[in-house]
């Protein structure tokens, strides 16, 4: 779901990594799609966090419905 392919999945550890963080365009697609609400935006100047439910509220109209891959 990342348009810039910033994430990698490592099967051995069963974890997601972000090795290309500098390529992130902060579109919020990963936050909308994450089934665990593990991601959020954070303002680097103030430290204020924008939580997934807020991002999802405003992004769903632009990016489609939230889905979870079951396989």
C-alpha atoms as a PDB file:
ATOM      1  CA  UNK A   1       0.000   0.000   0.000  1.00  0.00           C
ATOM      2  CA  UNK A   2       2.999   2.334   0.247  1.00  0.00           C
ATOM      3  CA  UNK A   3       3.290   4.290  -3.023  1.00  0.00           C
ATOM      4  CA  UNK A   4       7.036   4.781  -2.447  1.00  0.00           C
ATOM      5  CA  UNK A   5       7.738   1.212  -1.234  1.00  0.00           C
ATOM      6  CA  UNK A   6       9.381   2.423   1.994  1.00  0.00           C
ATOM      7  CA  UNK A   7       8.706  -0.775   3.966  1.00  0.00           C
ATOM      8  CA  UNK A   8      10.273  -4.240   4.002  1.00  0.00           C
ATOM      9  CA  UNK A   9       8.968  -7.384   5.664  1.00  0.00           C
ATOM     10  CA  UNK A  10      11.512  -9.735   7.207  1.00  0.00           C
ATOM     11  CA  UNK A  11      10.049 -13.246   7.399  1.00  0.00           C
ATOM     12  CA  UNK A  12      12.642 -14.479   9.909  1.00  0.00           C
ATOM     13  CA  UNK A  13      11.691 -11.906  12.545  1.00  0.00           C
ATOM     14  CA  UNK A  14       8.112 -11.395  11.282  1.00  0.00           C
ATOM     15  CA  UNK A  15       8.631  -7.633  11.515  1.00  0.00           C
ATOM     16  CA  UNK A  16       8.266  -4.668   9.210  1.00  0.00           C
ATOM     17  CA  UNK A  17      11.183  -2.263   8.758  1.00  0.00           C
ATOM     18  CA  UNK A  18      11.364   1.160   7.117  1.00  0.00           C
ATOM     19  CA  UNK A  19      14.788   1.218   5.442  1.00  0.00           C
ATOM     20  CA  UNK A  20      13.774   3.957   2.984  1.00  0.00           C
ATOM     21  CA  UNK A  21      12.285   6.461   5.454  1.00  0.00           C
ATOM     22  CA  UNK A  22      13.713   9.365   3.433  1.00  0.00           C
ATOM     23  CA  UNK A  23      11.477   8.347   0.495  1.00  0.00           C
ATOM     24  CA  UNK A  24       8.296   8.682   2.610  1.00  0.00           C
ATOM     25  CA  UNK A  25       5.862  11.286   1.260  1.00  0.00           C
ATOM     26  CA  UNK A  26       3.682  11.163   4.395  1.00  0.00           C
ATOM     27  CA  UNK A  27       0.556  10.197   2.482  1.00  0.00           C
ATOM     28  CA  UNK A  28      -0.804   8.191   5.438  1.00  0.00           C
ATOM     29  CA  UNK A  29      -1.598   5.040   3.434  1.00  0.00           C
ATOM     30  CA  UNK A  30       0.389   2.851   5.835  1.00  0.00           C
ATOM     31  CA  UNK A  31      -1.357   4.358   8.853  1.00  0.00           C
ATOM     32  CA  UNK A  32      -4.805   3.851   7.348  1.00  0.00           C
ATOM     33  CA  UNK A  33      -4.060   0.219   6.453  1.00  0.00           C
ATOM     34  CA  UNK A  34      -2.193  -0.898   9.609  1.00  0.00           C
ATOM     35  CA  UNK A  35      -4.488  -3.328  11.482  1.00  0.00           C
ATOM     36  CA  UNK A  36      -2.633  -2.736  14.770  1.00  0.00           C
ATOM     37  CA  UNK A  37      -2.613   1.087  14.808  1.00  0.00           C
ATOM     38  CA  UNK A  38       1.150   0.906  15.288  1.00  0.00           C
ATOM     39  CA  UNK A  39       1.948   3.944  13.131  1.00  0.00           C
ATOM     40  CA  UNK A  40       1.243   7.656  13.502  1.00  0.00           C
ATOM     41  CA  UNK A  41       2.515  11.015  12.323  1.00  0.00           C
ATOM     42  CA  UNK A  42       4.549  13.136  14.715  1.00  0.00           C
ATOM     43  CA  UNK A  43       5.392  16.820  14.375  1.00  0.00           C
ATOM     44  CA  UNK A  44       9.181  17.036  14.628  1.00  0.00           C
ATOM     45  CA  UNK A  45       9.065  20.551  16.083  1.00  0.00           C
ATOM     46  CA  UNK A  46       6.392  20.132  18.756  1.00  0.00           C
ATOM     47  CA  UNK A  47       6.329  16.350  19.305  1.00  0.00           C
ATOM     48  CA  UNK A  48       2.551  16.412  18.822  1.00  0.00           C
ATOM     49  CA  UNK A  49       1.210  13.090  17.512  1.00  0.00           C
ATOM     50  CA  UNK A  50      -1.601  12.653  15.037  1.00  0.00           C
ATOM     51  CA  UNK A  51      -3.079   9.286  15.931  1.00  0.00           C
ATOM     52  CA  UNK A  52      -4.359   6.670  13.452  1.00  0.00           C
ATOM     53  CA  UNK A  53      -8.068   7.234  14.113  1.00  0.00           C
ATOM     54  CA  UNK A  54      -7.749  10.911  13.154  1.00  0.00           C
ATOM     55  CA  UNK A  55      -5.745  10.122  10.018  1.00  0.00           C
ATOM     56  CA  UNK A  56      -8.155   7.349   9.078  1.00  0.00           C
ATOM     57  CA  UNK A  57     -11.132   9.676   9.437  1.00  0.00           C
ATOM     58  CA  UNK A  58      -9.736  12.096   6.881  1.00  0.00           C
ATOM     59  CA  UNK A  59      -7.909   9.654   4.577  1.00  0.00           C
ATOM     60  CA  UNK A  60     -10.631   7.048   4.040  1.00  0.00           C
ATOM     61  CA  UNK A  61     -12.447   9.262   1.562  1.00  0.00           C
ATOM     62  CA  UNK A  62      -9.252   9.617  -0.477  1.00  0.00           C
ATOM     63  CA  UNK A  63      -7.690   6.180  -0.174  1.00  0.00           C
ATOM     64  CA  UNK A  64     -10.548   3.671   0.016  1.00  0.00           C
ATOM     65  CA  UNK A  65     -11.582   1.364   2.815  1.00  0.00           C
ATOM     66  CA  UNK A  66      -9.306  -0.137   5.432  1.00  0.00           C
ATOM     67  CA  UNK A  67      -8.566  -3.768   4.716  1.00  0.00           C
ATOM     68  CA  UNK A  68      -6.593  -6.562   6.340  1.00  0.00           C
ATOM     69  CA  UNK A  69      -4.900  -9.238   4.284  1.00  0.00           C
ATOM     70  CA  UNK A  70      -5.866 -12.608   5.774  1.00  0.00           C
ATOM     71  CA  UNK A  71      -3.445 -14.926   4.037  1.00  0.00           C
END
